[in-house]
Protein backbone atom coordinates (compact mmCIF):
# COMPACT_ATOMS: atom_id res chain seq x y z
CA MET A 1 0.06 -0.12 0.00
CA ARG A 2 1.20 3.72 -0.74
CA TYR A 3 2.20 5.02 2.67
CA GLU A 4 0.43 8.31 2.29
CA LEU A 5 -2.71 6.93 1.37
CA MET A 6 -2.99 4.12 4.44
CA LEU A 7 -5.35 5.40 7.30
CA PRO A 8 -4.03 4.60 10.79
CA HIS A 9 -6.05 1.05 11.39
CA GLN A 10 -3.91 0.32 8.09
CA ILE A 11 -0.69 0.94 9.42
CA ARG A 12 -1.43 -0.55 12.85
CA LYS A 13 -2.12 -3.73 10.82
CA ALA A 14 1.30 -3.48 8.65
CA ILE A 15 2.71 -2.98 11.93
CA GLN A 16 1.48 -5.85 13.82
CA GLU A 17 1.91 -7.92 10.88
CA ASN A 18 5.48 -6.87 10.34
CA TRP A 19 4.77 -5.70 6.52
CA PRO A 20 7.99 -4.64 5.06
CA VAL A 21 8.45 -0.79 4.39
CA ALA A 22 10.11 0.13 1.44
CA LEU A 23 11.65 3.31 0.58
CA PRO A 24 12.66 4.01 -3.41
CA LEU A 25 15.95 5.90 -3.12
CA GLY A 26 17.31 7.26 -5.74
CA VAL A 27 18.55 10.23 -7.95
CA LEU A 28 17.68 12.63 -10.88
CA GLU A 29 20.95 12.47 -12.96
CA TYR A 30 21.37 12.69 -16.78
CA HIS A 31 20.99 9.63 -18.61
CA GLY A 32 21.77 10.53 -21.75
CA GLU A 33 19.68 12.61 -24.73
CA HIS A 34 17.20 9.51 -24.86
CA MET A 35 16.33 9.10 -21.21
CA ALA A 36 14.37 10.84 -18.48
CA VAL A 37 16.74 11.83 -15.67
CA GLY A 38 14.57 9.83 -13.11
CA MET A 39 15.66 6.25 -14.31
CA ASP A 40 17.59 5.48 -11.09
CA THR A 41 14.60 6.10 -9.12
CA LEU A 42 11.65 4.91 -11.64
CA ALA A 43 13.44 1.72 -12.07
CA VAL A 44 12.79 1.17 -7.91
CA ILE A 45 9.46 2.44 -7.86
CA LYS A 46 8.03 0.56 -10.77
CA THR A 47 10.09 -2.77 -9.42
CA LEU A 48 8.36 -2.19 -6.41
CA GLU A 49 4.88 -1.47 -7.67
CA LEU A 50 5.39 -5.13 -9.41
CA PHE A 51 6.03 -6.51 -6.18
CA GLU A 52 3.34 -4.81 -4.69
CA LYS A 53 0.47 -7.24 -6.48
CA GLU A 54 2.39 -10.17 -4.96
CA ARG A 55 3.10 -9.61 -1.04
CA ASP A 56 1.82 -6.92 1.31
CA ILE A 57 4.34 -3.99 1.49
CA VAL A 58 4.39 -0.07 2.37
CA MET A 59 5.60 1.65 0.19
CA LEU A 60 7.06 4.98 0.97
CA PRO A 61 6.86 8.31 -1.14
CA PRO A 62 9.96 8.09 -3.30
CA PHE A 63 13.29 10.05 -2.33
CA TYR A 64 14.44 11.65 -5.48
CA TYR A 65 17.21 13.86 -4.25
CA GLY A 66 20.06 11.68 -3.81
CA ALA A 67 23.33 12.62 -4.15
CA ALA A 68 23.72 12.40 -7.76
CA SER A 69 27.13 13.86 -8.66
CA TYR A 70 28.57 15.48 -11.86
CA ALA A 71 30.50 13.05 -12.91
CA VAL A 72 28.81 12.13 -16.03
CA ALA A 73 27.88 15.59 -16.93
CA PRO A 74 27.81 19.22 -15.60
CA PRO A 75 24.20 20.45 -14.32
CA GLU A 76 24.01 22.68 -16.94
CA GLY A 77 21.30 21.80 -19.41
CA SER A 78 21.28 17.94 -18.38
CA GLY A 79 19.27 18.10 -15.35
CA SER A 80 21.37 16.57 -12.70
CA VAL A 81 20.29 17.38 -9.23
CA GLN A 82 23.25 16.94 -6.75
CA VAL A 83 22.66 17.13 -2.78
CA GLY A 84 25.79 16.11 -1.12
CA GLY A 85 25.87 13.08 1.78
CA PRO A 86 26.81 15.19 4.61
CA VAL A 87 23.39 16.65 3.95
CA LEU A 88 21.64 13.69 3.60
CA ALA A 89 22.64 11.63 6.46
CA PRO A 90 20.48 13.61 9.26
CA PHE A 91 17.68 13.45 7.15
CA ALA A 92 17.97 9.58 6.53
CA GLU A 93 18.36 9.53 10.14
CA GLU A 94 15.24 11.46 11.44
CA LEU A 95 13.31 9.62 8.41
CA PHE A 96 14.42 6.25 9.83
CA TYR A 97 13.31 7.34 13.76
CA GLY A 98 10.11 8.85 12.75
CA LEU A 99 9.53 5.25 10.82
CA LEU A 100 10.65 3.51 14.10
CA ARG A 101 8.55 6.20 16.34
CA ILE A 102 5.34 4.80 14.26
CA GLY A 103 6.30 0.71 15.30
CA PHE A 104 7.65 0.35 11.90
CA ARG A 105 10.59 -2.60 12.28
CA ASN A 106 11.20 -3.68 8.90
CA ILE A 107 12.33 -0.91 7.31
CA HIS A 108 14.26 -1.18 3.65
CA ALA A 109 15.59 1.39 1.57
CA ILE A 110 15.98 0.14 -2.26
CA ILE A 111 18.62 2.11 -4.49
CA HIS A 112 19.91 1.24 -8.15
CA HIS A 113 22.46 4.58 -8.30
CA GLN A 114 25.43 3.36 -8.28
CA THR A 115 25.04 0.49 -7.14
CA GLU A 116 28.16 -1.42 -8.73
CA ASN A 117 30.21 -0.25 -5.70
CA PHE A 118 27.49 -0.86 -3.29
CA VAL A 119 29.89 -3.03 -0.84
CA ALA A 120 32.12 -0.63 -0.51
CA GLY A 121 29.26 2.11 -0.75
CA MET A 122 28.93 5.28 -2.61
CA PRO A 123 27.80 8.90 -1.20
CA THR A 124 23.63 8.17 -1.15
CA ASP A 125 23.50 4.75 0.06
CA LEU A 126 26.70 5.36 2.68
CA ALA A 127 24.11 8.50 3.64
CA PHE A 128 21.18 6.05 4.34
CA LYS A 129 22.81 3.68 5.80
CA SER A 130 24.79 5.63 8.10
CA GLY A 131 21.55 7.33 9.29
CA GLY A 132 19.86 4.09 9.52
CA ARG A 133 22.44 3.03 12.13
CA GLN A 134 22.56 6.54 14.14
CA ALA A 135 18.47 5.79 13.99
CA ILE A 136 18.54 2.56 15.65
CA PHE A 137 20.68 3.81 18.41
CA ARG A 138 19.08 6.48 19.24
CA PHE A 139 15.73 4.82 19.24
CA LEU A 140 17.12 2.04 21.18
CA GLU A 141 18.37 4.56 24.05
CA MET A 142 15.29 6.46 24.08
CA GLU A 143 13.28 3.23 24.20
CA ARG A 144 15.04 1.11 26.83
CA GLY A 145 17.59 4.18 28.38
CA GLU A 146 20.86 3.91 28.79
CA GLY A 147 22.77 0.65 28.84
CA TRP A 148 20.29 -0.92 27.35
CA TRP A 149 22.59 -3.63 25.46
CA GLY A 150 24.54 -4.45 28.49
CA SER A 151 21.62 -4.96 30.85
CA ASP A 152 20.47 -8.71 31.64
CA LYS A 153 18.16 -8.77 29.13
CA MET A 154 20.44 -8.61 26.31
CA ALA A 155 22.18 -11.95 27.53
CA ASP A 156 20.69 -13.78 24.65
CA TYR A 157 21.57 -11.20 21.87
CA TYR A 158 24.77 -13.31 20.11
CA ALA A 159 21.87 -16.44 20.26
CA GLY A 160 19.66 -14.29 18.85
CA HIS A 161 21.56 -13.17 15.53
CA ALA A 162 22.38 -17.05 15.02
CA GLU A 163 18.56 -16.97 14.53
CA GLY A 164 18.10 -13.91 12.58
CA ASP A 165 16.87 -11.93 15.36
CA ASN A 166 18.70 -8.42 15.37
CA VAL A 167 17.73 -5.35 15.98
CA PHE A 168 20.05 -3.40 13.63
CA ASN A 169 17.93 -5.15 10.80
CA TRP A 170 14.95 -2.94 11.52
CA VAL A 171 16.41 -0.31 8.75
CA GLN A 172 18.56 -1.71 6.06
CA VAL A 173 19.58 -0.59 2.49
CA HIS A 174 19.55 -2.86 -0.39
CA PRO A 175 20.41 -2.25 -4.50
CA LEU A 176 17.74 -3.06 -6.54
CA MET A 177 20.53 -4.96 -8.81
CA PRO A 178 22.01 -7.69 -6.35
CA ALA A 179 25.76 -8.36 -7.49
CA ALA A 180 24.43 -11.89 -8.29
CA MET A 181 22.88 -10.43 -11.48
CA ASN A 182 26.05 -9.20 -12.79
CA GLY A 183 27.21 -11.29 -16.17
CA LYS A 184 23.77 -12.41 -16.19
CA TYR A 185 22.02 -8.80 -16.96
CA PRO A 186 23.97 -5.89 -18.52
CA PHE A 187 25.06 -3.33 -15.77
CA ASP A 188 25.42 -0.20 -17.28
CA HIS A 189 24.65 3.81 -17.50
CA ALA A 190 22.06 4.81 -19.87
CA GLY A 191 23.41 1.81 -22.06
CA ILE A 192 21.40 -1.18 -22.95
CA GLY A 193 20.61 -2.51 -19.44
CA GLU A 194 18.99 0.78 -18.52
CA THR A 195 17.31 1.75 -21.29
CA SER A 196 15.51 -1.86 -21.28
CA LEU A 197 14.51 -1.80 -17.99
CA MET A 198 12.75 1.59 -18.55
CA LEU A 199 11.34 0.08 -22.03
CA ALA A 200 10.16 -2.53 -19.85
CA LEU A 201 8.71 -0.68 -16.56
CA CYS A 202 8.40 2.31 -18.14
CA PRO A 203 8.59 2.86 -21.65
CA GLU A 204 7.55 6.52 -21.69
CA ALA A 205 11.16 7.28 -19.84
CA VAL A 206 12.40 6.40 -23.37
CA ASP A 207 12.46 8.32 -26.64
CA ALA A 208 14.32 6.18 -29.39
CA ALA A 209 14.34 9.87 -31.47
CA HIS A 210 16.97 11.01 -29.57
CA PHE A 211 19.53 7.96 -29.52
CA ALA A 212 21.15 9.73 -32.56
CA ASP A 213 22.09 12.83 -30.35
CA ASN A 214 24.01 10.91 -27.43
CA THR A 215 27.81 11.44 -27.85
CA GLY A 216 29.05 9.92 -24.76
CA TRP A 217 30.26 6.71 -24.79
CA TYR A 218 28.46 5.19 -21.85
CA THR A 219 25.18 5.64 -24.04
CA LYS A 220 26.73 3.53 -27.48
CA SER A 221 24.44 0.16 -26.53
CA ALA A 222 21.49 2.08 -25.91
CA PRO A 223 19.69 1.93 -29.30
CA GLU A 224 20.40 -2.32 -29.03
CA ALA A 225 17.55 -2.08 -25.92
CA SER A 226 14.54 -3.87 -25.81
CA ALA A 227 11.37 -4.55 -23.69
CA GLU A 228 11.91 -8.16 -24.07
CA LEU A 229 15.75 -7.70 -22.44
CA GLY A 230 14.13 -5.42 -19.62
CA GLN A 231 11.58 -8.10 -18.95
CA LYS A 232 14.47 -10.45 -18.04
CA GLY A 233 16.43 -8.11 -15.97
CA VAL A 234 12.63 -7.32 -14.08
CA ALA A 235 12.31 -10.93 -13.64
CA MET A 236 15.64 -11.00 -11.79
CA ILE A 237 15.08 -8.04 -9.95
CA LEU A 238 11.89 -9.51 -8.40
CA GLU A 239 13.49 -12.57 -7.96
CA HIS A 240 15.84 -10.80 -5.39
CA LEU A 241 12.76 -8.40 -4.00
CA ARG A 242 11.24 -11.72 -2.81
CA THR A 243 14.28 -12.99 -0.64
CA THR A 244 14.92 -9.46 0.65
CA LEU A 245 11.46 -7.74 1.13
CA THR A 246 10.16 -10.62 3.57
CA GLY A 247 7.92 -10.11 6.89
């Protein structure tokens, strides 16, 4: 369900049943002359909308204002919007802290931008990972008091970890395309892989008439894109979400 459309009794039901709460996280960034600047975020939104048909989830309003950087193109006339990680981290902390206060314990931010480096991290995902950790520590100290971890009530902390019970899993950040997809689906920027995803998920975000206007090396494979290839990528992403967004 879209969070902004939920009534309080529906929110309480989602909390009681531990529905996954998903934040589509992304940027506004130049993706060649043929594709919309919101591609990275749109890919997350559209796949979550498909996943929502299978399982009960809470879908938060998307956050588009991540750290796009100007690595691909300067912003003048290209449309890239850069909001730095140092600004994002406090925002993320406040957002996640607020969601924990509401009662959610199964919160996930899903990001597509720059996730080929997800293990090491890049500015947007690092900011939200940091914000999530800070929010959890802050919430636990508010709820349980200082010394919460050292109390006798936490004596089974490590045993709980072994069974998958971990308070630090209350807020997690995931790539839309996991590392397992590498070599199985093209991972690129505005090339055949991303263009195919958009043709499958949001075709109005692609205009083939502007393929010829591209000059960047990263867009050279874009004319080879197809909705059929994109559907293969979508299927892999949905399988990833089935194992990631669990109740």
